[in-house]
Amino acid sequence: MKKLFLIILIVGFGFEAFSQDPQFSQFYAAPLYLNPGFTGSVTQHRFVGNHRLQWPGLPQAYSTFAASYDYHAPGLNSGFGFLAHTDQAGSANLRTTGAALLYSYFVSLRNKIILKPAISMGYTFRSIDYDKLILGDQIDFGIDGAPTSDPLVNSLENRGYFDLSTGFVIYNNKWWFGYAAHHINRPNQSILSSTSELPIRHSVHGGARFPLQNAMFRGDTYASISPGFVYRKQGTFDQLDLGFKFDYSLLFSGVWYRGVPFQKETDNGLSRDAIILLFGVNYAGFEVGYSFDFGVNRIGRESGGAHELSIVYLLVYHNTKKVHRKEKFLPCPAFYKKH
């Protein structure tokens, strides 16, 4: 009975019950996935790769990959980027794969503050492995591989849709704040012959970076602490990540808490999801980070938490053209060290 419940649960999640987007705990290491406003926010060519394995204790873990590239074009006061992502969920391998082109525009404000509105236009494709579905009449037969006459099979179809997102980031070299709205065109994401509009994903995020200079952190060794947060809401689902990242020389670490304060769950307990620990290294333009989500609610503890790996590479290039004075200041968002 337990196995049957688990199969129904996973397949159910794979259809429409869980319609929110997958998320990364290392959101600062997936900047274009978080907000198109981060497109071109560093002076180097930036390549990013992310992988998240969620709930490895289940028979079929949720696996998410994302890869992006972005570039700052000073002559056009613009940033250009490309983002690709794929997510596999459930025992029937429900897969969501998308790609998008991103554009941002730089607006210089007073006191060396940059405002960057942006837009993302992409296409997403959803598919499922029909052969791995277990439907109600097959369970009734009690025979593995028994054929099904459930009309649900005839209504299943792969689906593709256009996806539009927007957002902005405002920052200087010490702090940053942003807002993003994904799926603003509310595309139909249903793989059934029905309509299921994808809810808009809203996210508000911000942070700051404080260099540490005292008796313990002195000399040429770089040290800083960067507190930050991200709040996401999509349909009836919301989530808050709050914590900090600590940089010291080539190493960095961090601690994050996920949960919505003062919000009660169905068991009348306070909302709590996970405590996230982060470790990584930054050397020669490469930043590699590993984090683990320790589940503090029932689902998280029993499902095995989540593993996440991120790789960020900043390719330094030499520009021989004369740089205009207004283009000399391009601060990096707070989670990136000065290069």
C-alpha atoms as a PDB file:
ATOM      1  CA  MET A   1       0.000   0.000   0.000  1.00  0.00           C
ATOM      2  CA  LYS A   2       2.856   2.360   0.820  1.00  0.00           C
ATOM      3  CA  LYS A   3       4.450   1.706  -2.573  1.00  0.00           C
ATOM      4  CA  LEU A   4       1.143   2.299  -4.336  1.00  0.00           C
ATOM      5  CA  PHE A   5       0.666   5.602  -2.513  1.00  0.00           C
ATOM      6  CA  LEU A   6       4.183   6.683  -3.475  1.00  0.00           C
ATOM      7  CA  ILE A   7       3.578   5.922  -7.169  1.00  0.00           C
ATOM      8  CA  ILE A   8       0.330   7.897  -7.161  1.00  0.00           C
ATOM      9  CA  LEU A   9       2.007  10.750  -5.296  1.00  0.00           C
ATOM     10  CA  ILE A  10       4.939  11.037  -7.701  1.00  0.00           C
ATOM     11  CA  VAL A  11       2.840  10.762 -10.844  1.00  0.00           C
ATOM     12  CA  GLY A  12       0.331  13.227  -9.432  1.00  0.00           C
ATOM     13  CA  PHE A  13       3.063  15.745  -8.725  1.00  0.00           C
ATOM     14  CA  GLY A  14       4.319  15.244 -12.260  1.00  0.00           C
ATOM     15  CA  PHE A  15       1.013  16.311 -13.828  1.00  0.00           C
ATOM     16  CA  GLU A  16      -0.586  19.451 -12.428  1.00  0.00           C
ATOM     17  CA  ALA A  17      -0.575  19.245  -8.633  1.00  0.00           C
ATOM     18  CA  PHE A  18       2.835  20.918  -8.351  1.00  0.00           C
ATOM     19  CA  SER A  19       2.818  23.692 -10.939  1.00  0.00           C
ATOM     20  CA  GLN A  20       5.545  25.909  -9.474  1.00  0.00           C
ATOM     21  CA  ASP A  21       8.931  26.180 -11.161  1.00  0.00           C
ATOM     22  CA  PRO A  22      11.973  24.346  -9.793  1.00  0.00           C
ATOM     23  CA  GLN A  23      14.300  26.602  -7.816  1.00  0.00           C
ATOM     24  CA  PHE A  24      17.983  26.729  -6.937  1.00  0.00           C
ATOM     25  CA  SER A  25      19.185  27.163  -3.357  1.00  0.00           C
ATOM     26  CA  GLN A  26      22.301  28.874  -4.750  1.00  0.00           C
ATOM     27  CA  PHE A  27      20.163  31.524  -6.417  1.00  0.00           C
ATOM     28  CA  TYR A  28      23.065  34.020  -6.561  1.00  0.00           C
ATOM     29  CA  ALA A  29      24.975  31.457  -8.672  1.00  0.00           C
ATOM     30  CA  ALA A  30      22.064  31.186 -11.151  1.00  0.00           C
ATOM     31  CA  PRO A  31      21.578  34.915 -11.848  1.00  0.00           C
ATOM     32  CA  LEU A  32      19.805  34.735 -15.224  1.00  0.00           C
ATOM     33  CA  TYR A  33      17.463  32.021 -13.950  1.00  0.00           C
ATOM     34  CA  LEU A  34      16.565  34.218 -10.985  1.00  0.00           C
ATOM     35  CA  ASN A  35      16.083  37.493 -12.851  1.00  0.00           C
ATOM     36  CA  PRO A  36      16.751  38.580 -16.470  1.00  0.00           C
ATOM     37  CA  GLY A  37      17.862  41.908 -14.987  1.00  0.00           C
ATOM     38  CA  PHE A  38      21.203  40.304 -14.102  1.00  0.00           C
ATOM     39  CA  THR A  39      21.998  39.870 -17.809  1.00  0.00           C
ATOM     40  CA  GLY A  40      25.351  41.509 -18.530  1.00  0.00           C
ATOM     41  CA  SER A  41      25.854  42.620 -14.916  1.00  0.00           C
ATOM     42  CA  VAL A  42      29.586  41.808 -14.955  1.00  0.00           C
ATOM     43  CA  THR A  43      32.197  43.167 -17.361  1.00  0.00           C
ATOM     44  CA  GLN A  44      33.449  39.692 -18.315  1.00  0.00           C
ATOM     45  CA  HIS A  45      31.898  37.012 -20.488  1.00  0.00           C
ATOM     46  CA  ARG A  46      30.061  34.887 -17.929  1.00  0.00           C
ATOM     47  CA  PHE A  47      29.302  31.163 -18.250  1.00  0.00           C
ATOM     48  CA  VAL A  48      27.166  29.456 -15.592  1.00  0.00           C
ATOM     49  CA  GLY A  49      26.137  25.853 -15.002  1.00  0.00           C
ATOM     50  CA  ASN A  50      23.792  24.584 -12.262  1.00  0.00           C
ATOM     51  CA  HIS A  51      22.537  21.151 -11.237  1.00  0.00           C
ATOM     52  CA  ARG A  52      20.080  20.339  -8.461  1.00  0.00           C
ATOM     53  CA  LEU A  53      19.126  16.841  -7.294  1.00  0.00           C
ATOM     54  CA  GLN A  54      16.119  17.120  -5.017  1.00  0.00           C
ATOM     55  CA  TRP A  55      14.652  14.393  -2.793  1.00  0.00           C
ATOM     56  CA  PRO A  56      17.197  11.658  -3.657  1.00  0.00           C
ATOM     57  CA  GLY A  57      15.528   9.394  -1.093  1.00  0.00           C
ATOM     58  CA  LEU A  58      12.524   8.935  -3.395  1.00  0.00           C
ATOM     59  CA  PRO A  59      12.513   6.238  -6.128  1.00  0.00           C
ATOM     60  CA  GLN A  60      12.796   8.963  -8.783  1.00  0.00           C
ATOM     61  CA  ALA A  61      14.569  12.135  -7.617  1.00  0.00           C
ATOM     62  CA  TYR A  62      13.779  15.520  -9.118  1.00  0.00           C
ATOM     63  CA  SER A  63      16.693  16.630 -11.293  1.00  0.00           C
ATOM     64  CA  THR A  64      17.181  20.151 -12.661  1.00  0.00           C
ATOM     65  CA  PHE A  65      19.906  21.529 -14.944  1.00  0.00           C
ATOM     66  CA  ALA A  66      20.463  25.110 -16.096  1.00  0.00           C
ATOM     67  CA  ALA A  67      23.165  26.721 -18.229  1.00  0.00           C
ATOM     68  CA  SER A  68      23.588  30.345 -19.244  1.00  0.00           C
ATOM     69  CA  TYR A  69      25.890  32.801 -20.960  1.00  0.00           C
ATOM     70  CA  ASP A  70      25.771  36.587 -20.807  1.00  0.00           C
ATOM     71  CA  TYR A  71      27.837  39.517 -21.960  1.00  0.00           C
ATOM     72  CA  HIS A  72      28.003  43.257 -21.301  1.00  0.00           C
ATOM     73  CA  ALA A  73      28.140  45.395 -24.478  1.00  0.00           C
ATOM     74  CA  PRO A  74      29.342  48.822 -23.289  1.00  0.00           C
ATOM     75  CA  GLY A  75      28.950  50.477 -26.680  1.00  0.00           C
ATOM     76  CA  LEU A  76      25.244  49.632 -26.672  1.00  0.00           C
ATOM     77  CA  ASN A  77      24.679  50.167 -22.947  1.00  0.00           C
ATOM     78  CA  SER A  78      23.129  46.714 -23.000  1.00  0.00           C
ATOM     79  CA  GLY A  79      23.484  43.163 -21.810  1.00  0.00           C
ATOM     80  CA  PHE A  80      22.773  40.065 -23.913  1.00  0.00           C
ATOM     81  CA  GLY A  81      22.295  36.534 -22.666  1.00  0.00           C
ATOM     82  CA  PHE A  82      21.122  32.993 -23.336  1.00  0.00           C
ATOM     83  CA  LEU A  83      19.534  30.607 -20.829  1.00  0.00           C
ATOM     84  CA  ALA A  84      18.701  26.913 -21.208  1.00  0.00           C
ATOM     85  CA  HIS A  85      17.172  24.660 -18.580  1.00  0.00           C
ATOM     86  CA  THR A  86      15.670  21.202 -18.205  1.00  0.00           C
ATOM     87  CA  ASP A  87      13.844  19.549 -15.333  1.00  0.00           C
ATOM     88  CA  GLN A  88      12.851  15.893 -14.893  1.00  0.00           C
ATOM     89  CA  ALA A  89      10.248  14.981 -12.295  1.00  0.00           C
ATOM     90  CA  GLY A  90       8.421  11.861 -11.195  1.00  0.00           C
ATOM     91  CA  SER A  91       8.481   8.182 -12.091  1.00  0.00           C
ATOM     92  CA  ALA A  92       7.025   8.887 -15.555  1.00  0.00           C
ATOM     93  CA  ASN A  93       9.911  11.237 -16.426  1.00  0.00           C
ATOM     94  CA  LEU A  94       7.863  14.358 -16.907  1.00  0.00           C
ATOM     95  CA  ARG A  95      10.421  16.650 -18.551  1.00  0.00           C
ATOM     96  CA  THR A  96      10.275  20.405 -19.002  1.00  0.00           C
ATOM     97  CA  THR A  97      12.947  21.858 -21.302  1.00  0.00           C
ATOM     98  CA  GLY A  98      13.267  25.491 -22.285  1.00  0.00           C
ATOM     99  CA  ALA A  99      15.587  28.051 -23.840  1.00  0.00           C
ATOM    100  CA  ALA A 100      15.428  31.833 -23.840  1.00  0.00           C
ATOM    101  CA  LEU A 101      17.154  34.937 -25.138  1.00  0.00           C
ATOM    102  CA  LEU A 102      17.614  37.765 -22.645  1.00  0.00           C
ATOM    103  CA  TYR A 103      18.221  41.481 -23.022  1.00  0.00           C
ATOM    104  CA  SER A 104      18.887  44.192 -20.427  1.00  0.00           C
ATOM    105  CA  TYR A 105      19.476  47.934 -20.691  1.00  0.00           C
ATOM    106  CA  PHE A 106      21.728  49.963 -18.415  1.00  0.00           C
ATOM    107  CA  VAL A 107      20.491  53.214 -16.907  1.00  0.00           C
ATOM    108  CA  SER A 108      23.056  55.189 -14.883  1.00  0.00           C
ATOM    109  CA  LEU A 109      21.547  56.961 -11.890  1.00  0.00           C
ATOM    110  CA  ARG A 110      23.079  59.220  -9.283  1.00  0.00           C
ATOM    111  CA  ASN A 111      25.736  58.060  -6.814  1.00  0.00           C
ATOM    112  CA  LYS A 112      27.020  55.348  -9.158  1.00  0.00           C
ATOM    113  CA  ILE A 113      23.780  53.371  -9.033  1.00  0.00           C
ATOM    114  CA  ILE A 114      22.756  51.225 -11.999  1.00  0.00           C
ATOM    115  CA  LEU A 115      19.167  50.382 -12.955  1.00  0.00           C
ATOM    116  CA  LYS A 116      18.749  47.470 -15.352  1.00  0.00           C
ATOM    117  CA  PRO A 117      15.279  46.646 -16.733  1.00  0.00           C
ATOM    118  CA  ALA A 118      15.253  43.459 -18.790  1.00  0.00           C
ATOM    119  CA  ILE A 119      13.157  41.029 -20.784  1.00  0.00           C
ATOM    120  CA  SER A 120      13.371  37.307 -21.525  1.00  0.00           C
ATOM    121  CA  MET A 121      11.722  35.585 -24.483  1.00  0.00           C
ATOM    122  CA  GLY A 122      11.832  31.837 -24.808  1.00  0.00           C
ATOM    123  CA  TYR A 123      10.153  28.599 -25.749  1.00  0.00           C
ATOM    124  CA  THR A 124       9.441  25.639 -23.462  1.00  0.00           C
ATOM    125  CA  PHE A 125       8.590  22.036 -24.307  1.00  0.00           C
ATOM    126  CA  ARG A 126       6.970  19.498 -21.937  1.00  0.00           C
ATOM    127  CA  SER A 127       6.981  15.747 -22.517  1.00  0.00           C
ATOM    128  CA  ILE A 128       6.294  12.544 -20.618  1.00  0.00           C
ATOM    129  CA  ASP A 129       7.261   8.874 -20.985  1.00  0.00           C
ATOM    130  CA  TYR A 130       3.871   7.241 -21.618  1.00  0.00           C
ATOM    131  CA  ASP A 131       5.266   3.721 -21.164  1.00  0.00           C
ATOM    132  CA  LYS A 132       6.144   4.436 -17.538  1.00  0.00           C
ATOM    133  CA  LEU A 133       2.685   5.608 -16.513  1.00  0.00           C
ATOM    134  CA  ILE A 134       0.709   3.405 -14.130  1.00  0.00           C
ATOM    135  CA  LEU A 135      -3.001   4.112 -14.430  1.00  0.00           C
ATOM    136  CA  GLY A 136      -5.920   3.095 -12.272  1.00  0.00           C
ATOM    137  CA  ASP A 137      -7.131   0.050 -14.215  1.00  0.00           C
ATOM    138  CA  GLN A 138      -3.573  -1.341 -14.397  1.00  0.00           C
ATOM    139  CA  ILE A 139      -3.361  -1.247 -10.628  1.00  0.00           C
ATOM    140  CA  ASP A 140      -6.741  -3.000 -10.403  1.00  0.00           C
ATOM    141  CA  PHE A 141      -5.466  -5.821 -12.637  1.00  0.00           C
ATOM    142  CA  GLY A 142      -2.596  -6.448 -10.209  1.00  0.00           C
ATOM    143  CA  ILE A 143      -0.404  -7.577 -13.118  1.00  0.00           C
ATOM    144  CA  ASP A 144       2.737  -5.683 -14.131  1.00  0.00           C
ATOM    145  CA  GLY A 145       2.599  -4.567 -17.746  1.00  0.00           C
ATOM    146  CA  ALA A 146      -1.126  -5.094 -18.113  1.00  0.00           C
ATOM    147  CA  PRO A 147      -2.662  -2.972 -20.878  1.00  0.00           C
ATOM    148  CA  THR A 148      -4.869  -0.015 -20.007  1.00  0.00           C
ATOM    149  CA  SER A 149      -8.193   1.150 -21.387  1.00  0.00           C
ATOM    150  CA  ASP A 150      -8.143   4.378 -19.389  1.00  0.00           C
ATOM    151  CA  PRO A 151      -9.230   7.261 -21.694  1.00  0.00           C
ATOM    152  CA  LEU A 152      -6.638   9.448 -19.970  1.00  0.00           C
ATOM    153  CA  VAL A 153      -3.959   7.974 -22.247  1.00  0.00           C
ATOM    154  CA  ASN A 154      -5.635   9.362 -25.367  1.00  0.00           C
ATOM    155  CA  SER A 155      -5.703  12.860 -23.895  1.00  0.00           C
ATOM    156  CA  LEU A 156      -1.977  12.963 -23.118  1.00  0.00           C
ATOM    157  CA  GLU A 157       0.176  14.993 -25.483  1.00  0.00           C
ATOM    158  CA  ASN A 158       3.535  16.708 -25.542  1.00  0.00           C
ATOM    159  CA  ARG A 159       3.207  20.466 -25.425  1.00  0.00           C
ATOM    160  CA  GLY A 160       5.296  23.488 -26.336  1.00  0.00           C
ATOM    161  CA  TYR A 161       4.621  27.115 -25.525  1.00  0.00           C
ATOM    162  CA  PHE A 162       6.077  30.612 -25.824  1.00  0.00           C
ATOM    163  CA  ASP A 163       7.291  32.024 -22.515  1.00  0.00           C
ATOM    164  CA  LEU A 164       7.750  35.710 -21.642  1.00  0.00           C
ATOM    165  CA  SER A 165       9.411  37.101 -18.519  1.00  0.00           C
ATOM    166  CA  THR A 166      10.623  40.469 -17.309  1.00  0.00           C
ATOM    167  CA  GLY A 167      12.376  42.039 -14.343  1.00  0.00           C
ATOM    168  CA  PHE A 168      14.763  44.698 -13.119  1.00  0.00           C
ATOM    169  CA  VAL A 169      17.786  45.024 -10.854  1.00  0.00           C
ATOM    170  CA  ILE A 170      19.041  48.185  -9.171  1.00  0.00           C
ATOM    171  CA  TYR A 171      22.495  48.080  -7.548  1.00  0.00           C
ATOM    172  CA  ASN A 172      25.886  49.595  -6.893  1.00  0.00           C
ATOM    173  CA  ASN A 173      29.107  47.914  -5.773  1.00  0.00           C
ATOM    174  CA  LYS A 174      27.806  47.385  -2.214  1.00  0.00           C
ATOM    175  CA  TRP A 175      24.130  46.387  -2.437  1.00  0.00           C
ATOM    176  CA  TRP A 176      21.496  45.174  -4.853  1.00  0.00           C
ATOM    177  CA  PHE A 177      17.722  44.772  -5.079  1.00  0.00           C
ATOM    178  CA  GLY A 178      15.549  43.245  -7.785  1.00  0.00           C
ATOM    179  CA  TYR A 179      12.157  42.012  -8.852  1.00  0.00           C
ATOM    180  CA  ALA A 180      11.250  39.500 -11.572  1.00  0.00           C
ATOM    181  CA  ALA A 181       7.995  38.199 -13.035  1.00  0.00           C
ATOM    182  CA  HIS A 182       8.241  34.966 -15.036  1.00  0.00           C
ATOM    183  CA  HIS A 183       5.520  33.551 -17.355  1.00  0.00           C
ATOM    184  CA  ILE A 184       3.712  36.893 -17.607  1.00  0.00           C
ATOM    185  CA  ASN A 185       1.824  35.591 -20.664  1.00  0.00           C
ATOM    186  CA  ARG A 186       0.347  32.747 -18.525  1.00  0.00           C
ATOM    187  CA  PRO A 187       1.042  29.925 -21.057  1.00  0.00           C
ATOM    188  CA  ASN A 188      -0.994  26.714 -21.091  1.00  0.00           C
ATOM    189  CA  GLN A 189       1.340  24.052 -19.651  1.00  0.00           C
ATOM    190  CA  SER A 190      -1.082  21.108 -19.479  1.00  0.00           C
ATOM    191  CA  ILE A 191      -0.049  17.835 -21.096  1.00  0.00           C
ATOM    192  CA  LEU A 192      -3.688  16.782 -21.051  1.00  0.00           C
ATOM    193  CA  SER A 193      -6.338  17.930 -23.527  1.00  0.00           C
ATOM    194  CA  SER A 194      -7.278  20.741 -21.178  1.00  0.00           C
ATOM    195  CA  THR A 195      -6.139  24.171 -20.043  1.00  0.00           C
ATOM    196  CA  SER A 196      -3.814  24.706 -17.108  1.00  0.00           C
ATOM    197  CA  GLU A 197      -2.289  28.170 -17.146  1.00  0.00           C
ATOM    198  CA  LEU A 198       1.175  28.409 -15.640  1.00  0.00           C
ATOM    199  CA  PRO A 199       0.989  30.896 -12.734  1.00  0.00           C
ATOM    200  CA  ILE A 200       3.211  33.951 -12.803  1.00  0.00           C
ATOM    201  CA  ARG A 201       6.295  33.453 -10.660  1.00  0.00           C
ATOM    202  CA  HIS A 202       7.071  36.608  -8.700  1.00  0.00           C
ATOM    203  CA  SER A 203      10.399  37.002  -6.943  1.00  0.00           C
ATOM    204  CA  VAL A 204      11.791  39.823  -4.820  1.00  0.00           C
ATOM    205  CA  HIS A 205      15.434  39.615  -3.838  1.00  0.00           C
ATOM    206  CA  GLY A 206      18.225  41.725  -2.448  1.00  0.00           C
ATOM    207  CA  GLY A 207      21.450  41.764  -0.511  1.00  0.00           C
ATOM    208  CA  ALA A 208      24.609  43.635   0.351  1.00  0.00           C
ATOM    209  CA  ARG A 209      28.341  43.049   0.568  1.00  0.00           C
ATOM    210  CA  PHE A 210      30.451  44.231   3.499  1.00  0.00           C
ATOM    211  CA  PRO A 211      34.267  44.004   3.208  1.00  0.00           C
ATOM    212  CA  LEU A 212      35.908  42.869   6.436  1.00  0.00           C
ATOM    213  CA  GLN A 213      38.982  44.820   7.478  1.00  0.00           C
ATOM    214  CA  ASN A 214      40.209  44.383  11.044  1.00  0.00           C
ATOM    215  CA  ALA A 215      42.950  42.642  13.004  1.00  0.00           C
ATOM    216  CA  MET A 216      41.738  39.239  11.837  1.00  0.00           C
ATOM    217  CA  PHE A 217      41.175  40.177   8.178  1.00  0.00           C
ATOM    218  CA  ARG A 218      43.975  42.469   7.084  1.00  0.00           C
ATOM    219  CA  GLY A 219      46.623  42.726   4.444  1.00  0.00           C
ATOM    220  CA  ASP A 220      46.008  41.629   0.864  1.00  0.00           C
ATOM    221  CA  THR A 221      43.644  38.792   1.821  1.00  0.00           C
ATOM    222  CA  TYR A 222      40.125  39.456   0.581  1.00  0.00           C
ATOM    223  CA  ALA A 223      37.310  38.898   3.080  1.00  0.00           C
ATOM    224  CA  SER A 224      33.653  39.905   3.005  1.00  0.00           C
ATOM    225  CA  ILE A 225      30.238  38.881   4.244  1.00  0.00           C
ATOM    226  CA  SER A 226      27.154  39.111   2.013  1.00  0.00           C
ATOM    227  CA  PRO A 227      23.719  38.767   3.590  1.00  0.00           C
ATOM    228  CA  GLY A 228      20.834  38.311   1.177  1.00  0.00           C
ATOM    229  CA  PHE A 229      17.319  37.062   0.649  1.00  0.00           C
ATOM    230  CA  VAL A 230      14.923  35.942  -2.059  1.00  0.00           C
ATOM    231  CA  TYR A 231      11.147  35.679  -1.713  1.00  0.00           C
ATOM    232  CA  ARG A 232       9.199  33.750  -4.363  1.00  0.00           C
ATOM    233  CA  LYS A 233       5.483  33.410  -4.897  1.00  0.00           C
ATOM    234  CA  GLN A 234       3.759  31.380  -7.603  1.00  0.00           C
ATOM    235  CA  GLY A 235       0.068  30.661  -7.331  1.00  0.00           C
ATOM    236  CA  THR A 236      -0.636  29.462  -3.792  1.00  0.00           C
ATOM    237  CA  PHE A 237       3.027  28.569  -3.209  1.00  0.00           C
ATOM    238  CA  ASP A 238       5.479  30.956  -1.554  1.00  0.00           C
ATOM    239  CA  GLN A 239       9.000  30.578  -0.221  1.00  0.00           C
ATOM    240  CA  LEU A 240      11.617  32.715   1.527  1.00  0.00           C
ATOM    241  CA  ASP A 241      15.376  32.063   1.589  1.00  0.00           C
ATOM    242  CA  LEU A 242      17.357  34.150   4.075  1.00  0.00           C
ATOM    243  CA  GLY A 243      21.039  33.888   4.964  1.00  0.00           C
ATOM    244  CA  PHE A 244      24.560  34.991   4.161  1.00  0.00           C
ATOM    245  CA  LYS A 245      27.673  34.107   2.162  1.00  0.00           C
ATOM    246  CA  PHE A 246      31.174  34.537   3.580  1.00  0.00           C
ATOM    247  CA  ASP A 247      34.221  35.007   1.313  1.00  0.00           C
ATOM    248  CA  TYR A 248      37.770  34.592   2.586  1.00  0.00           C
ATOM    249  CA  SER A 249      40.644  34.524   0.109  1.00  0.00           C
ATOM    250  CA  LEU A 250      39.900  31.711  -2.384  1.00  0.00           C
ATOM    251  CA  LEU A 251      37.219  30.038  -0.254  1.00  0.00           C
ATOM    252  CA  PHE A 252      33.608  30.829   0.530  1.00  0.00           C
ATOM    253  CA  SER A 253      30.857  29.344   2.650  1.00  0.00           C
ATOM    254  CA  GLY A 254      27.329  30.192   3.644  1.00  0.00           C
ATOM    255  CA  VAL A 255      24.267  29.342   5.694  1.00  0.00           C
ATOM    256  CA  TRP A 256      20.645  29.815   4.606  1.00  0.00           C
ATOM    257  CA  TYR A 257      17.250  29.187   6.119  1.00  0.00           C
ATOM    258  CA  ARG A 258      14.188  28.449   4.001  1.00  0.00           C
ATOM    259  CA  GLY A 259      10.751  29.041   5.474  1.00  0.00           C
ATOM    260  CA  VAL A 260       8.122  31.773   5.700  1.00  0.00           C
ATOM    261  CA  PRO A 261       8.125  33.379   9.181  1.00  0.00           C
ATOM    262  CA  PHE A 262       4.811  33.451  11.077  1.00  0.00           C
ATOM    263  CA  GLN A 263       3.119  31.346   8.382  1.00  0.00           C
ATOM    264  CA  LYS A 264       1.545  28.158   9.708  1.00  0.00           C
ATOM    265  CA  GLU A 265       1.445  24.834   7.910  1.00  0.00           C
ATOM    266  CA  THR A 266      -1.540  22.484   7.929  1.00  0.00           C
ATOM    267  CA  ASP A 267      -0.237  20.807  11.114  1.00  0.00           C
ATOM    268  CA  ASN A 268      -0.343  24.211  12.880  1.00  0.00           C
ATOM    269  CA  GLY A 269       3.442  24.336  13.007  1.00  0.00           C
ATOM    270  CA  LEU A 270       5.441  27.290  11.708  1.00  0.00           C
ATOM    271  CA  SER A 271       6.451  27.148   8.060  1.00  0.00           C
ATOM    272  CA  ARG A 272       9.890  25.611   7.733  1.00  0.00           C
ATOM    273  CA  ASP A 273      11.542  23.815   4.862  1.00  0.00           C
ATOM    274  CA  ALA A 274      15.320  23.522   5.039  1.00  0.00           C
ATOM    275  CA  ILE A 275      18.632  24.724   6.379  1.00  0.00           C
ATOM    276  CA  ILE A 276      21.157  25.097   3.568  1.00  0.00           C
ATOM    277  CA  LEU A 277      24.922  24.806   4.001  1.00  0.00           C
ATOM    278  CA  LEU A 278      27.260  26.036   1.272  1.00  0.00           C
ATOM    279  CA  PHE A 279      30.970  25.492   0.583  1.00  0.00           C
ATOM    280  CA  GLY A 280      33.045  26.505  -2.424  1.00  0.00           C
ATOM    281  CA  VAL A 281      36.211  27.825  -3.991  1.00  0.00           C
ATOM    282  CA  ASN A 282      36.950  30.764  -6.268  1.00  0.00           C
ATOM    283  CA  TYR A 283      40.133  30.660  -8.343  1.00  0.00           C
ATOM    284  CA  ALA A 284      41.303  32.132 -11.669  1.00  0.00           C
ATOM    285  CA  GLY A 285      37.819  33.186 -12.764  1.00  0.00           C
ATOM    286  CA  PHE A 286      36.179  29.911 -11.692  1.00  0.00           C
ATOM    287  CA  GLU A 287      33.690  29.752  -8.831  1.00  0.00           C
ATOM    288  CA  VAL A 288      32.566  26.237  -7.839  1.00  0.00           C
ATOM    289  CA  GLY A 289      30.012  25.812  -5.092  1.00  0.00           C
ATOM    290  CA  TYR A 290      28.312  22.844  -3.436  1.00  0.00           C
ATOM    291  CA  SER A 291      25.330  23.072  -1.117  1.00  0.00           C
ATOM    292  CA  PHE A 292      23.077  20.629   0.692  1.00  0.00           C
ATOM    293  CA  ASP A 293      19.519  21.265   1.851  1.00  0.00           C
ATOM    294  CA  PHE A 294      18.875  19.669   5.246  1.00  0.00           C
ATOM    295  CA  GLY A 295      15.121  19.186   5.389  1.00  0.00           C
ATOM    296  CA  VAL A 296      13.568  20.343   8.666  1.00  0.00           C
ATOM    297  CA  ASN A 297      10.001  19.400   7.804  1.00  0.00           C
ATOM    298  CA  ARG A 298       8.630  15.882   7.471  1.00  0.00           C
ATOM    299  CA  ILE A 299       8.895  15.627   3.671  1.00  0.00           C
ATOM    300  CA  GLY A 300      12.440  16.980   3.607  1.00  0.00           C
ATOM    301  CA  ARG A 301      13.709  14.630   6.316  1.00  0.00           C
ATOM    302  CA  GLU A 302      12.220  11.512   4.742  1.00  0.00           C
ATOM    303  CA  SER A 303      13.123  12.339   1.132  1.00  0.00           C
ATOM    304  CA  GLY A 304      16.836  13.005   1.589  1.00  0.00           C
ATOM    305  CA  GLY A 305      17.095  16.779   1.192  1.00  0.00           C
ATOM    306  CA  ALA A 306      18.758  18.165  -1.926  1.00  0.00           C
ATOM    307  CA  HIS A 307      22.242  18.336  -3.442  1.00  0.00           C
ATOM    308  CA  GLU A 308      23.246  21.288  -5.603  1.00  0.00           C
ATOM    309  CA  LEU A 309      26.343  22.110  -7.638  1.00  0.00           C
ATOM    310  CA  SER A 310      27.119  25.399  -9.380  1.00  0.00           C
ATOM    311  CA  ILE A 311      29.974  26.501 -11.630  1.00  0.00           C
ATOM    312  CA  VAL A 312      30.535  30.124 -12.645  1.00  0.00           C
ATOM    313  CA  TYR A 313      33.328  31.128 -15.044  1.00  0.00           C
ATOM    314  CA  LEU A 314      34.224  34.729 -15.786  1.00  0.00           C
ATOM    315  CA  LEU A 315      36.290  35.061 -18.961  1.00  0.00           C
ATOM    316  CA  VAL A 316      38.463  38.154 -18.752  1.00  0.00           C
ATOM    317  CA  TYR A 317      39.139  39.888 -22.032  1.00  0.00           C
ATOM    318  CA  HIS A 318      41.218  42.940 -22.942  1.00  0.00           C
ATOM    319  CA  ASN A 319      39.370  45.770 -24.662  1.00  0.00           C
ATOM    320  CA  THR A 320      41.769  47.961 -26.644  1.00  0.00           C
ATOM    321  CA  LYS A 321      39.097  50.525 -27.508  1.00  0.00           C
ATOM    322  CA  LYS A 322      38.882  53.756 -25.543  1.00  0.00           C
ATOM    323  CA  VAL A 323      36.327  53.508 -22.768  1.00  0.00           C
ATOM    324  CA  HIS A 324      34.060  56.488 -22.220  1.00  0.00           C
ATOM    325  CA  ARG A 325      34.036  57.927 -18.725  1.00  0.00           C
ATOM    326  CA  LYS A 326      30.397  56.997 -18.088  1.00  0.00           C
ATOM    327  CA  GLU A 327      31.203  53.376 -18.927  1.00  0.00           C
ATOM    328  CA  LYS A 328      34.164  53.045 -16.565  1.00  0.00           C
ATOM    329  CA  PHE A 329      31.940  52.325 -13.591  1.00  0.00           C
ATOM    330  CA  LEU A 330      30.064  49.063 -13.905  1.00  0.00           C
ATOM    331  CA  PRO A 331      29.652  47.682 -10.387  1.00  0.00           C
ATOM    332  CA  CYS A 332      29.143  43.987  -9.852  1.00  0.00           C
ATOM    333  CA  PRO A 333      26.158  42.746  -7.865  1.00  0.00           C
ATOM    334  CA  ALA A 334      27.011  42.081  -4.248  1.00  0.00           C
ATOM    335  CA  PHE A 335      27.487  38.314  -4.410  1.00  0.00           C
ATOM    336  CA  TYR A 336      30.399  38.549  -6.824  1.00  0.00           C
ATOM    337  CA  LYS A 337      33.891  39.428  -5.725  1.00  0.00           C
ATOM    338  CA  LYS A 338      35.679  42.300  -7.364  1.00  0.00           C
ATOM    339  CA  HIS A 339      37.889  41.048 -10.179  1.00  0.00           C
END
